[in-house]
Every structure is written in structure tokens, then in C-alpha cells.
Amino acid sequence: MHIYLNPLKCWNTDLDFGTGVADIRKVSRHELGHAEGLGHAGDIERSIMRQGATDFFGIQQNDQDGIVSLYGAYP
């Protein structure tokens, strides 16, 4: 599996969520979550698998719980 991040997208790393701007840390972790088998989290507040801009970029407890439900443990 390959994950490609669009080089034409305006990426940032300072959590400045403006129009057309995405935090590369959040997006890459979100896409890696899909590679691990996780789906979108819907309206759950704190999950890297939630679609859209968030004020965090790290793995959340909900994400860890998803991995445990799929694989029986979180590394």
C-alpha cells in the first residue's frame, strides 16, 4: 500500500487551519490509520480518524481503542 500526499496542496505544521491549508501531521496519521484498517470516526470529538480540521495532530485514545478492537493490542 502506498500513501501519496498531494504536492500541490498547501501543507503546514503549525496548526494554522485556514482555507485550503492542512496539517501534514494530522493528514498523514489519519491516512496511516486507514492503512491499518481504521475507518472514519464520524462525530467523535477526539480522534485522528475524524474527518476535517482538528486542534490536535496526535493519536487519541479512541484511535488506540480502534487498533485494539482490530488486532487485540496497541503497540
PDB file of N, CA and C in Angstrom:
ATOM      1  N   MET A   1       0.842  -1.174   0.000  1.00  0.00           N
ATOM      2  CA  MET A   1       0.000   0.000   0.000  1.00  0.00           C
ATOM      3  C   MET A   1       0.890   1.241   0.000  1.00  0.00           C
ATOM      4  N   HIS A   2       0.482   2.232  -0.754  1.00  0.00           N
ATOM      5  CA  HIS A   2       1.207   3.495  -0.817  1.00  0.00           C
ATOM      6  C   HIS A   2       0.274   4.620  -0.402  1.00  0.00           C
ATOM      7  N   ILE A   3       0.828   5.597   0.267  1.00  0.00           N
ATOM      8  CA  ILE A   3       0.088   6.803   0.624  1.00  0.00           C
ATOM      9  C   ILE A   3       0.798   7.966  -0.054  1.00  0.00           C
ATOM     10  N   TYR A   4       0.061   8.688  -0.864  1.00  0.00           N
ATOM     11  CA  TYR A   4       0.629   9.835  -1.570  1.00  0.00           C
ATOM     12  C   TYR A   4      -0.016  11.112  -1.038  1.00  0.00           C
ATOM     13  N   LEU A   5       0.799  12.085  -0.679  1.00  0.00           N
ATOM     14  CA  LEU A   5       0.304  13.384  -0.249  1.00  0.00           C
ATOM     15  C   LEU A   5       0.497  14.360  -1.403  1.00  0.00           C
ATOM     16  N   ASN A   6      -0.567  14.992  -1.803  1.00  0.00           N
ATOM     17  CA  ASN A   6      -0.574  15.880  -2.956  1.00  0.00           C
ATOM     18  C   ASN A   6       0.427  17.025  -2.777  1.00  0.00           C
ATOM     19  N   PRO A   7       1.443  17.099  -3.645  1.00  0.00           N
ATOM     20  CA  PRO A   7       2.433  18.176  -3.517  1.00  0.00           C
ATOM     21  C   PRO A   7       1.865  19.546  -3.896  1.00  0.00           C
ATOM     22  N   LEU A   8       0.703  19.579  -4.527  1.00  0.00           N
ATOM     23  CA  LEU A   8       0.081  20.847  -4.888  1.00  0.00           C
ATOM     24  C   LEU A   8      -0.753  21.428  -3.750  1.00  0.00           C
ATOM     25  N   LYS A   9      -0.964  20.634  -2.711  1.00  0.00           N
ATOM     26  CA  LYS A   9      -1.724  21.082  -1.535  1.00  0.00           C
ATOM     27  C   LYS A   9      -0.839  21.963  -0.667  1.00  0.00           C
ATOM     28  N   CYS A  10      -1.414  22.957  -0.029  1.00  0.00           N
ATOM     29  CA  CYS A  10      -0.671  23.819   0.883  1.00  0.00           C
ATOM     30  C   CYS A  10      -0.625  23.148   2.258  1.00  0.00           C
ATOM     31  N   TRP A  11       0.498  22.507   2.574  1.00  0.00           N
ATOM     32  CA  TRP A  11       0.667  21.786   3.840  1.00  0.00           C
ATOM     33  C   TRP A  11       1.327  22.696   4.862  1.00  0.00           C
ATOM     34  N   ASN A  12       0.984  22.502   6.137  1.00  0.00           N
ATOM     35  CA  ASN A  12       1.667  23.234   7.189  1.00  0.00           C
ATOM     36  C   ASN A  12       1.918  22.330   8.389  1.00  0.00           C
ATOM     37  N   THR A  13       2.662  22.826   9.348  1.00  0.00           N
ATOM     38  CA  THR A  13       2.939  22.086  10.580  1.00  0.00           C
ATOM     39  C   THR A  13       2.743  22.966  11.809  1.00  0.00           C
ATOM     40  N   ASP A  14       1.983  24.025  11.684  1.00  0.00           N
ATOM     41  CA  ASP A  14       1.821  24.936  12.822  1.00  0.00           C
ATOM     42  C   ASP A  14       0.384  25.022  13.324  1.00  0.00           C
ATOM     43  N   LEU A  15      -0.458  24.073  12.960  1.00  0.00           N
ATOM     44  CA  LEU A  15      -1.863  24.022  13.386  1.00  0.00           C
ATOM     45  C   LEU A  15      -2.637  25.279  13.009  1.00  0.00           C
ATOM     46  N   ASP A  16      -2.264  25.919  11.925  1.00  0.00           N
ATOM     47  CA  ASP A  16      -2.986  27.077  11.420  1.00  0.00           C
ATOM     48  C   ASP A  16      -3.959  26.584  10.360  1.00  0.00           C
ATOM     49  N   PHE A  17      -5.205  26.366  10.763  1.00  0.00           N
ATOM     50  CA  PHE A  17      -6.192  25.774   9.867  1.00  0.00           C
ATOM     51  C   PHE A  17      -6.949  26.858   9.121  1.00  0.00           C
ATOM     52  N   GLY A  18      -6.396  27.286   8.026  1.00  0.00           N
ATOM     53  CA  GLY A  18      -7.067  28.248   7.173  1.00  0.00           C
ATOM     54  C   GLY A  18      -7.687  27.536   5.982  1.00  0.00           C
ATOM     55  N   THR A  19      -8.355  28.277   5.147  1.00  0.00           N
ATOM     56  CA  THR A  19      -8.969  27.709   3.954  1.00  0.00           C
ATOM     57  C   THR A  19      -7.892  27.155   3.034  1.00  0.00           C
ATOM     58  N   GLY A  20      -8.045  25.907   2.648  1.00  0.00           N
ATOM     59  CA  GLY A  20      -7.105  25.290   1.738  1.00  0.00           C
ATOM     60  C   GLY A  20      -5.793  24.868   2.369  1.00  0.00           C
ATOM     61  N   VAL A  21      -5.701  24.924   3.694  1.00  0.00           N
ATOM     62  CA  VAL A  21      -4.475  24.568   4.400  1.00  0.00           C
ATOM     63  C   VAL A  21      -4.741  23.328   5.243  1.00  0.00           C
ATOM     64  N   ALA A  22      -3.818  22.380   5.218  1.00  0.00           N
ATOM     65  CA  ALA A  22      -3.974  21.162   6.007  1.00  0.00           C
ATOM     66  C   ALA A  22      -2.681  20.865   6.752  1.00  0.00           C
ATOM     67  N   ASP A  23      -2.815  20.349   7.965  1.00  0.00           N
ATOM     68  CA  ASP A  23      -1.644  19.991   8.757  1.00  0.00           C
ATOM     69  C   ASP A  23      -1.166  18.616   8.302  1.00  0.00           C
ATOM     70  N   ILE A  24       0.049  18.550   7.798  1.00  0.00           N
ATOM     71  CA  ILE A  24       0.569  17.314   7.220  1.00  0.00           C
ATOM     72  C   ILE A  24       0.680  16.205   8.268  1.00  0.00           C
ATOM     73  N   ARG A  25       0.903  16.566   9.539  1.00  0.00           N
ATOM     74  CA  ARG A  25       0.996  15.550  10.593  1.00  0.00           C
ATOM     75  C   ARG A  25      -0.341  14.868  10.805  1.00  0.00           C
ATOM     76  N   LYS A  26      -1.418  15.646  10.853  1.00  0.00           N
ATOM     77  CA  LYS A  26      -2.749  15.083  11.065  1.00  0.00           C
ATOM     78  C   LYS A  26      -3.161  14.233   9.878  1.00  0.00           C
ATOM     79  N   VAL A  27      -2.963  14.754   8.686  1.00  0.00           N
ATOM     80  CA  VAL A  27      -3.389  14.048   7.477  1.00  0.00           C
ATOM     81  C   VAL A  27      -2.616  12.737   7.307  1.00  0.00           C
ATOM     82  N   SER A  28      -1.307  12.780   7.522  1.00  0.00           N
ATOM     83  CA  SER A  28      -0.519  11.554   7.338  1.00  0.00           C
ATOM     84  C   SER A  28      -0.891  10.510   8.387  1.00  0.00           C
ATOM     85  N   ARG A  29      -1.097  10.904   9.628  1.00  0.00           N
ATOM     86  CA  ARG A  29      -1.512   9.931  10.654  1.00  0.00           C
ATOM     87  C   ARG A  29      -2.904   9.397  10.364  1.00  0.00           C
ATOM     88  N   HIS A  30      -3.794  10.254   9.875  1.00  0.00           N
ATOM     89  CA  HIS A  30      -5.149   9.833   9.500  1.00  0.00           C
ATOM     90  C   HIS A  30      -5.079   8.777   8.390  1.00  0.00           C
ATOM     91  N   GLU A  31      -4.285   9.048   7.370  1.00  0.00           N
ATOM     92  CA  GLU A  31      -4.167   8.106   6.250  1.00  0.00           C
ATOM     93  C   GLU A  31      -3.483   6.807   6.674  1.00  0.00           C
ATOM     94  N   LEU A  32      -2.510   6.880   7.577  1.00  0.00           N
ATOM     95  CA  LEU A  32      -1.898   5.660   8.106  1.00  0.00           C
ATOM     96  C   LEU A  32      -2.911   4.848   8.909  1.00  0.00           C
ATOM     97  N   GLY A  33      -3.841   5.532   9.574  1.00  0.00           N
ATOM     98  CA  GLY A  33      -4.923   4.836  10.273  1.00  0.00           C
ATOM     99  C   GLY A  33      -5.751   4.009   9.305  1.00  0.00           C
ATOM    100  N   HIS A  34      -6.051   4.569   8.134  1.00  0.00           N
ATOM    101  CA  HIS A  34      -6.762   3.799   7.108  1.00  0.00           C
ATOM    102  C   HIS A  34      -5.942   2.592   6.680  1.00  0.00           C
ATOM    103  N   ALA A  35      -4.628   2.785   6.513  1.00  0.00           N
ATOM    104  CA  ALA A  35      -3.763   1.674   6.114  1.00  0.00           C
ATOM    105  C   ALA A  35      -3.772   0.559   7.151  1.00  0.00           C
ATOM    106  N   GLU A  36      -3.981   0.910   8.409  1.00  0.00           N
ATOM    107  CA  GLU A  36      -4.045  -0.083   9.488  1.00  0.00           C
ATOM    108  C   GLU A  36      -5.430  -0.718   9.606  1.00  0.00           C
ATOM    109  N   GLY A  37      -6.404  -0.190   8.857  1.00  0.00           N
ATOM    110  CA  GLY A  37      -7.735  -0.785   8.872  1.00  0.00           C
ATOM    111  C   GLY A  37      -8.803   0.038   9.554  1.00  0.00           C
ATOM    112  N   LEU A  38      -8.462   1.227  10.045  1.00  0.00           N
ATOM    113  CA  LEU A  38      -9.437   2.069  10.722  1.00  0.00           C
ATOM    114  C   LEU A  38     -10.279   2.842   9.719  1.00  0.00           C
ATOM    115  N   GLY A  39     -11.541   3.022  10.052  1.00  0.00           N
ATOM    116  CA  GLY A  39     -12.434   3.847   9.244  1.00  0.00           C
ATOM    117  C   GLY A  39     -12.565   5.226   9.867  1.00  0.00           C
ATOM    118  N   HIS A  40     -13.440   6.044   9.297  1.00  0.00           N
ATOM    119  CA  HIS A  40     -13.664   7.369   9.858  1.00  0.00           C
ATOM    120  C   HIS A  40     -14.411   7.268  11.177  1.00  0.00           C
ATOM    121  N   ALA A  41     -14.113   8.177  12.087  1.00  0.00           N
ATOM    122  CA  ALA A  41     -14.690   8.158  13.429  1.00  0.00           C
ATOM    123  C   ALA A  41     -16.009   8.901  13.511  1.00  0.00           C
ATOM    124  N   GLY A  42     -16.456   9.520  12.451  1.00  0.00           N
ATOM    125  CA  GLY A  42     -17.718  10.251  12.498  1.00  0.00           C
ATOM    126  C   GLY A  42     -17.603  11.509  13.332  1.00  0.00           C
ATOM    127  N   ASP A  43     -18.542  11.689  14.238  1.00  0.00           N
ATOM    128  CA  ASP A  43     -18.593  12.920  15.023  1.00  0.00           C
ATOM    129  C   ASP A  43     -17.859  12.826  16.358  1.00  0.00           C
ATOM    130  N   ILE A  44     -17.078  11.784  16.552  1.00  0.00           N
ATOM    131  CA  ILE A  44     -16.346  11.647  17.809  1.00  0.00           C
ATOM    132  C   ILE A  44     -15.339  12.786  17.918  1.00  0.00           C
ATOM    133  N   GLU A  45     -15.356  13.459  19.041  1.00  0.00           N
ATOM    134  CA  GLU A  45     -14.561  14.677  19.223  1.00  0.00           C
ATOM    135  C   GLU A  45     -13.058  14.469  19.081  1.00  0.00           C
ATOM    136  N   ARG A  46     -12.506  13.516  19.799  1.00  0.00           N
ATOM    137  CA  ARG A  46     -11.052  13.368  19.843  1.00  0.00           C
ATOM    138  C   ARG A  46     -10.618  12.086  19.149  1.00  0.00           C
ATOM    139  N   SER A  47     -10.401  12.152  17.861  1.00  0.00           N
ATOM    140  CA  SER A  47      -9.918  11.006  17.101  1.00  0.00           C
ATOM    141  C   SER A  47      -9.194  11.509  15.869  1.00  0.00           C
ATOM    142  N   ILE A  48      -8.008  10.974  15.623  1.00  0.00           N
ATOM    143  CA  ILE A  48      -7.266  11.336  14.421  1.00  0.00           C
ATOM    144  C   ILE A  48      -8.025  10.853  13.180  1.00  0.00           C
ATOM    145  N   MET A  49      -8.933   9.901  13.362  1.00  0.00           N
ATOM    146  CA  MET A  49      -9.709   9.359  12.252  1.00  0.00           C
ATOM    147  C   MET A  49     -10.975  10.173  11.971  1.00  0.00           C
ATOM    148  N   ARG A  50     -11.180  11.230  12.705  1.00  0.00           N
ATOM    149  CA  ARG A  50     -12.283  12.148  12.406  1.00  0.00           C
ATOM    150  C   ARG A  50     -11.910  12.958  11.183  1.00  0.00           C
ATOM    151  N   GLN A  51     -12.847  13.125  10.280  1.00  0.00           N
ATOM    152  CA  GLN A  51     -12.583  13.921   9.081  1.00  0.00           C
ATOM    153  C   GLN A  51     -12.600  15.396   9.427  1.00  0.00           C
ATOM    154  N   GLY A  52     -11.789  16.154   8.739  1.00  0.00           N
ATOM    155  CA  GLY A  52     -11.784  17.599   8.903  1.00  0.00           C
ATOM    156  C   GLY A  52     -10.705  18.088   9.846  1.00  0.00           C
ATOM    157  N   ALA A  53     -10.611  19.400   9.952  1.00  0.00           N
ATOM    158  CA  ALA A  53      -9.591  20.032  10.780  1.00  0.00           C
ATOM    159  C   ALA A  53      -9.836  19.770  12.255  1.00  0.00           C
ATOM    160  N   THR A  54      -8.767  19.562  12.978  1.00  0.00           N
ATOM    161  CA  THR A  54      -8.823  19.388  14.428  1.00  0.00           C
ATOM    162  C   THR A  54      -7.738  20.246  15.064  1.00  0.00           C
ATOM    163  N   ASP A  55      -7.813  20.438  16.364  1.00  0.00           N
ATOM    164  CA  ASP A  55      -6.806  21.239  17.050  1.00  0.00           C
ATOM    165  C   ASP A  55      -5.709  20.367  17.658  1.00  0.00           C
ATOM    166  N   PHE A  56      -5.552  19.160  17.150  1.00  0.00           N
ATOM    167  CA  PHE A  56      -4.505  18.248  17.607  1.00  0.00           C
ATOM    168  C   PHE A  56      -4.027  17.452  16.414  1.00  0.00           C
ATOM    169  N   PHE A  57      -2.877  16.814  16.533  1.00  0.00           N
ATOM    170  CA  PHE A  57      -2.368  16.017  15.426  1.00  0.00           C
ATOM    171  C   PHE A  57      -1.851  14.668  15.872  1.00  0.00           C
ATOM    172  N   GLY A  58      -2.026  14.329  17.141  1.00  0.00           N
ATOM    173  CA  GLY A  58      -1.534  13.060  17.661  1.00  0.00           C
ATOM    174  C   GLY A  58      -2.612  11.999  17.742  1.00  0.00           C
ATOM    175  N   ILE A  59      -2.173  10.766  17.930  1.00  0.00           N
ATOM    176  CA  ILE A  59      -3.076   9.636  18.098  1.00  0.00           C
ATOM    177  C   ILE A  59      -3.843   9.814  19.405  1.00  0.00           C
ATOM    178  N   GLN A  60      -5.140   9.607  19.372  1.00  0.00           N
ATOM    179  CA  GLN A  60      -6.000   9.777  20.543  1.00  0.00           C
ATOM    180  C   GLN A  60      -6.423   8.415  21.102  1.00  0.00           C
ATOM    181  N   GLN A  61      -7.018   8.426  22.293  1.00  0.00           N
ATOM    182  CA  GLN A  61      -7.444   7.183  22.930  1.00  0.00           C
ATOM    183  C   GLN A  61      -8.420   6.413  22.048  1.00  0.00           C
ATOM    184  N   ASN A  62      -9.326   7.119  21.388  1.00  0.00           N
ATOM    185  CA  ASN A  62     -10.289   6.465  20.502  1.00  0.00           C
ATOM    186  C   ASN A  62      -9.577   5.718  19.375  1.00  0.00           C
ATOM    187  N   ASP A  63      -8.514   6.296  18.855  1.00  0.00           N
ATOM    188  CA  ASP A  63      -7.744   5.647  17.795  1.00  0.00           C
ATOM    189  C   ASP A  63      -7.054   4.390  18.318  1.00  0.00           C
ATOM    190  N   GLN A  64      -6.487   4.491  19.506  1.00  0.00           N
ATOM    191  CA  GLN A  64      -5.853   3.332  20.133  1.00  0.00           C
ATOM    192  C   GLN A  64      -6.881   2.226  20.368  1.00  0.00           C
ATOM    193  N   ASP A  65      -8.071   2.600  20.837  1.00  0.00           N
ATOM    194  CA  ASP A  65      -9.135   1.612  21.065  1.00  0.00           C
ATOM    195  C   ASP A  65      -9.524   0.912  19.768  1.00  0.00           C
ATOM    196  N   GLY A  66      -9.532   1.652  18.658  1.00  0.00           N
ATOM    197  CA  GLY A  66      -9.830   1.045  17.359  1.00  0.00           C
ATOM    198  C   GLY A  66      -8.811   0.010  16.953  1.00  0.00           C
ATOM    199  N   ILE A  67      -7.530   0.311  17.185  1.00  0.00           N
ATOM    200  CA  ILE A  67      -6.467  -0.643  16.873  1.00  0.00           C
ATOM    201  C   ILE A  67      -6.611  -1.895  17.751  1.00  0.00           C
ATOM    202  N   VAL A  68      -6.910  -1.687  19.047  1.00  0.00           N
ATOM    203  CA  VAL A  68      -7.098  -2.832  19.954  1.00  0.00           C
ATOM    204  C   VAL A  68      -8.254  -3.695  19.496  1.00  0.00           C
ATOM    205  N   SER A  69      -9.350  -3.066  19.029  1.00  0.00           N
ATOM    206  CA  SER A  69     -10.501  -3.856  18.568  1.00  0.00           C
ATOM    207  C   SER A  69     -10.179  -4.663  17.313  1.00  0.00           C
ATOM    208  N   LEU A  70      -9.266  -4.158  16.487  1.00  0.00           N
ATOM    209  CA  LEU A  70      -8.871  -4.879  15.274  1.00  0.00           C
ATOM    210  C   LEU A  70      -7.822  -5.950  15.522  1.00  0.00           C
ATOM    211  N   TYR A  71      -6.845  -5.626  16.371  1.00  0.00           N
ATOM    212  CA  TYR A  71      -5.669  -6.501  16.497  1.00  0.00           C
ATOM    213  C   TYR A  71      -5.453  -7.082  17.902  1.00  0.00           C
ATOM    214  N   GLY A  72      -6.289  -6.687  18.856  1.00  0.00           N
ATOM    215  CA  GLY A  72      -6.189  -7.249  20.199  1.00  0.00           C
ATOM    216  C   GLY A  72      -5.214  -6.545  21.112  1.00  0.00           C
ATOM    217  N   ALA A  73      -4.392  -5.638  20.598  1.00  0.00           N
ATOM    218  CA  ALA A  73      -3.433  -4.905  21.421  1.00  0.00           C
ATOM    219  C   ALA A  73      -3.004  -3.651  20.684  1.00  0.00           C
ATOM    220  N   TYR A  74      -2.501  -2.704  21.454  1.00  0.00           N
ATOM    221  CA  TYR A  74      -1.920  -1.490  20.874  1.00  0.00           C
ATOM    222  C   TYR A  74      -0.421  -1.544  21.135  1.00  0.00           C
ATOM    223  N   PRO A  75       0.398  -1.347  20.106  1.00  0.00           N
ATOM    224  CA  PRO A  75       1.850  -1.493  20.292  1.00  0.00           C
ATOM    225  C   PRO A  75       2.426  -0.559  21.326  1.00  0.00           C
TER     226      PRO A  75
END
